C-alpha atoms as a PDB file:
ATOM      1  CA  LEU A   1      11.972  23.532 -22.197  1.00  0.00           C
ATOM      2  CA  LYS A   2      13.784  24.348 -25.423  1.00  0.00           C
ATOM      3  CA  GLU A   3      14.239  27.980 -24.348  1.00  0.00           C
ATOM      4  CA  HIS A   4      16.396  27.125 -21.323  1.00  0.00           C
ATOM      5  CA  TRP A   5      20.084  26.333 -21.897  1.00  0.00           C
ATOM      6  CA  LYS A   6      20.017  23.357 -19.490  1.00  0.00           C
ATOM      7  CA  THR A   7      17.139  21.639 -21.254  1.00  0.00           C
ATOM      8  CA  ALA A   8      17.575  22.791 -24.856  1.00  0.00           C
ATOM      9  CA  ASP A   9      19.208  19.496 -25.939  1.00  0.00           C
ATOM     10  CA  LEU A  10      16.848  17.152 -24.112  1.00  0.00           C
ATOM     11  CA  ASP A  11      14.616  14.981 -26.267  1.00  0.00           C
ATOM     12  CA  PHE A  12      11.673  13.346 -24.485  1.00  0.00           C
ATOM     13  CA  THR A  13      10.105  11.925 -27.645  1.00  0.00           C
ATOM     14  CA  GLU A  14      10.733   8.274 -26.715  1.00  0.00           C
ATOM     15  CA  LEU A  15       9.580   8.788 -23.123  1.00  0.00           C
ATOM     16  CA  LEU A  16       6.322  10.411 -24.133  1.00  0.00           C
ATOM     17  CA  LYS A  17       5.286   7.858 -26.761  1.00  0.00           C
ATOM     18  CA  PRO A  18       1.948   6.168 -26.134  1.00  0.00           C
ATOM     19  CA  ALA A  19       2.536   2.652 -24.803  1.00  0.00           C
ATOM     20  CA  TRP A  20       0.765   1.044 -27.754  1.00  0.00           C
ATOM     21  CA  ARG A  21       3.443   2.445 -30.080  1.00  0.00           C
ATOM     22  CA  LEU A  22       6.372   0.931 -28.189  1.00  0.00           C
ATOM     23  CA  GLN A  23       8.218  -1.950 -29.792  1.00  0.00           C
ATOM     24  CA  SER A  24       7.449  -4.442 -26.998  1.00  0.00           C
ATOM     25  CA  PHE A  25       3.717  -3.883 -27.511  1.00  0.00           C
ATOM     26  CA  SER A  26       3.977  -3.891 -31.280  1.00  0.00           C
ATOM     27  CA  ALA A  27       5.183  -7.498 -31.237  1.00  0.00           C
ATOM     28  CA  SER A  28       1.954  -8.479 -29.474  1.00  0.00           C
ATOM     29  CA  GLY A  29      -0.100  -6.830 -32.140  1.00  0.00           C
ATOM     30  CA  PRO A  30      -2.737  -4.140 -31.847  1.00  0.00           C
ATOM     31  CA  THR A  31      -4.880  -6.285 -29.555  1.00  0.00           C
ATOM     32  CA  ALA A  32      -2.446  -6.215 -26.635  1.00  0.00           C
ATOM     33  CA  PRO A  33      -4.369  -5.077 -23.517  1.00  0.00           C
ATOM     34  CA  MET A  34      -3.593  -1.600 -22.215  1.00  0.00           C
ATOM     35  CA  PHE A  35      -5.270  -1.970 -18.819  1.00  0.00           C
ATOM     36  CA  CYS A  36      -5.995  -4.614 -16.193  1.00  0.00           C
ATOM     37  CA  CYS A  37      -7.974  -7.438 -17.799  1.00  0.00           C
ATOM     38  CA  VAL A  38      -7.415 -10.208 -15.257  1.00  0.00           C
ATOM     39  CA  ALA A  39      -8.349  -9.949 -11.596  1.00  0.00           C
ATOM     40  CA  GLN A  40      -5.520 -10.647  -9.175  1.00  0.00           C
ATOM     41  CA  ASP A  41      -5.768 -12.336  -5.811  1.00  0.00           C
ATOM     42  CA  HIS A  42      -3.304 -10.757  -3.416  1.00  0.00           C
ATOM     43  CA  ALA A  43      -4.550 -12.979  -0.562  1.00  0.00           C
ATOM     44  CA  LEU A  44      -5.258  -9.926   1.598  1.00  0.00           C
ATOM     45  CA  ALA A  45      -7.967 -11.845   3.425  1.00  0.00           C
ATOM     46  CA  HIS A  46      -5.263 -13.894   5.143  1.00  0.00           C
ATOM     47  CA  VAL A  47      -2.650 -11.287   6.062  1.00  0.00           C
ATOM     48  CA  LEU A  48      -1.664 -10.547   9.668  1.00  0.00           C
ATOM     49  CA  ASP A  49      -3.222  -7.100   9.369  1.00  0.00           C
ATOM     50  CA  ARG A  50      -6.713  -8.631   9.263  1.00  0.00           C
ATOM     51  CA  GLN A  51      -6.097 -10.174  12.699  1.00  0.00           C
ATOM     52  CA  LEU A  52      -4.770  -6.828  13.859  1.00  0.00           C
ATOM     53  CA  VAL A  53      -7.944  -5.046  12.708  1.00  0.00           C
ATOM     54  CA  ILE A  54     -10.096  -7.614  14.544  1.00  0.00           C
ATOM     55  CA  LYS A  55      -8.031  -7.185  17.711  1.00  0.00           C
ATOM     56  CA  ALA A  56      -8.302  -3.396  17.411  1.00  0.00           C
ATOM     57  CA  ALA A  57     -12.082  -3.438  16.761  1.00  0.00           C
ATOM     58  CA  PRO A  58     -13.017  -1.975  20.198  1.00  0.00           C
ATOM     59  CA  ALA A  59     -10.736   0.982  19.507  1.00  0.00           C
ATOM     60  CA  LEU A  60     -12.015   1.457  15.965  1.00  0.00           C
ATOM     61  CA  GLU A  61     -15.686   1.107  16.876  1.00  0.00           C
ATOM     62  CA  GLU A  62     -15.876   2.643  20.359  1.00  0.00           C
ATOM     63  CA  LYS A  63     -12.518   4.405  20.899  1.00  0.00           C
ATOM     64  CA  LYS A  64     -11.753   1.997  23.748  1.00  0.00           C
ATOM     65  CA  PRO A  65      -8.070   1.318  24.519  1.00  0.00           C
ATOM     66  CA  VAL A  66      -6.746  -1.979  23.163  1.00  0.00           C
ATOM     67  CA  THR A  67      -3.553  -3.767  24.153  1.00  0.00           C
ATOM     68  CA  GLY A  68      -2.192  -7.125  23.144  1.00  0.00           C
ATOM     69  CA  LYS A  69       0.623  -9.269  21.812  1.00  0.00           C
ATOM     70  CA  MET A  70       0.895 -10.860  18.404  1.00  0.00           C
ATOM     71  CA  GLN A  71       3.393 -13.155  16.721  1.00  0.00           C
ATOM     72  CA  ILE A  72       4.960 -11.821  13.528  1.00  0.00           C
ATOM     73  CA  ARG A  73       7.079 -13.478  10.845  1.00  0.00           C
ATOM     74  CA  ASN A  74       9.281 -12.064   8.126  1.00  0.00           C
ATOM     75  CA  VAL A  75       6.622 -12.885   5.504  1.00  0.00           C
ATOM     76  CA  ASP A  76       4.214 -10.455   7.203  1.00  0.00           C
ATOM     77  CA  ARG A  77       4.700  -7.371   5.068  1.00  0.00           C
ATOM     78  CA  SER A  78       3.424  -3.828   5.588  1.00  0.00           C
ATOM     79  CA  VAL A  79       1.863  -4.776   8.920  1.00  0.00           C
ATOM     80  CA  GLY A  80      -0.261  -1.889  10.127  1.00  0.00           C
ATOM     81  CA  GLY A  81      -1.211  -0.644   6.663  1.00  0.00           C
ATOM     82  CA  ILE A  82      -4.754  -2.028   6.640  1.00  0.00           C
ATOM     83  CA  LEU A  83      -5.288  -0.953  10.247  1.00  0.00           C
ATOM     84  CA  SER A  84      -4.133   2.559   9.314  1.00  0.00           C
ATOM     85  CA  PHE A  85      -6.564   2.574   6.398  1.00  0.00           C
ATOM     86  CA  GLU A  86      -9.462   1.542   8.644  1.00  0.00           C
ATOM     87  CA  LEU A  87      -8.511   4.128  11.239  1.00  0.00           C
ATOM     88  CA  THR A  88      -8.272   7.018   8.775  1.00  0.00           C
ATOM     89  CA  ARG A  89     -11.404   5.893   6.960  1.00  0.00           C
ATOM     90  CA  GLN A  90     -13.366   6.266  10.205  1.00  0.00           C
ATOM     91  CA  TYR A  91     -11.575   9.147  11.919  1.00  0.00           C
ATOM     92  CA  GLY A  92      -9.727  10.972   9.154  1.00  0.00           C
ATOM     93  CA  GLY A  93      -6.544  12.834   9.963  1.00  0.00           C
ATOM     94  CA  VAL A  94      -7.628  13.380  13.582  1.00  0.00           C
ATOM     95  CA  GLY A  95      -7.251   9.665  14.332  1.00  0.00           C
ATOM     96  CA  LEU A  96      -7.485   8.272  17.832  1.00  0.00           C
ATOM     97  CA  PRO A  97      -5.826   9.544  21.021  1.00  0.00           C
ATOM     98  CA  ASP A  98      -2.238   8.390  21.610  1.00  0.00           C
ATOM     99  CA  ASP A  99      -1.879   4.841  22.963  1.00  0.00           C
ATOM    100  CA  THR A 100      -5.466   3.855  22.136  1.00  0.00           C
ATOM    101  CA  ILE A 101      -4.053   0.874  20.247  1.00  0.00           C
ATOM    102  CA  HIS A 102      -0.921  -0.656  21.737  1.00  0.00           C
ATOM    103  CA  ILE A 103       0.174  -3.994  20.260  1.00  0.00           C
ATOM    104  CA  THR A 104       3.502  -5.672  21.005  1.00  0.00           C
ATOM    105  CA  PHE A 105       4.819  -7.889  18.226  1.00  0.00           C
ATOM    106  CA  GLN A 106       7.104 -10.835  18.870  1.00  0.00           C
ATOM    107  CA  GLY A 107       9.227 -12.297  16.092  1.00  0.00           C
ATOM    108  CA  SER A 108      10.842 -10.943  12.938  1.00  0.00           C
ATOM    109  CA  SER A 109       8.896  -8.503  10.810  1.00  0.00           C
ATOM    110  CA  GLY A 110       8.859  -8.317   7.019  1.00  0.00           C
ATOM    111  CA  GLN A 111       9.471  -5.302   4.850  1.00  0.00           C
ATOM    112  CA  SER A 112       7.716  -2.028   5.583  1.00  0.00           C
ATOM    113  CA  PHE A 113       6.697  -2.972   9.117  1.00  0.00           C
ATOM    114  CA  GLY A 114       4.566  -0.164  10.522  1.00  0.00           C
ATOM    115  CA  ASN A 115       5.317   2.172   7.626  1.00  0.00           C
ATOM    116  CA  PHE A 116       1.777   3.571   7.470  1.00  0.00           C
ATOM    117  CA  LEU A 117       1.148   4.009  11.187  1.00  0.00           C
END
């Protein structure tokens, strides 16, 4: 980087420091954890997507067409993400034929609605 005129004056020293050497970690002492030490519960067992996967089970298991309606609220975030995971886990990039799963949602969706479909 130092050879190029556009990057010759850039100094990445502070950006490339190991996290344990940063001031915010130094205050915690050398025993501050550097990786996940506490399990988190994201309550994924209760998200709308789980109901969607159950409703889409015939399509996922037997490639049978599935249609339906579901209520959605603005707290239902990233709806379709878990279904997309299940679909690609079983069928890879090939997926299912178009319109195998057709669900109509009624209500107001939360952020990232359908972003992984």
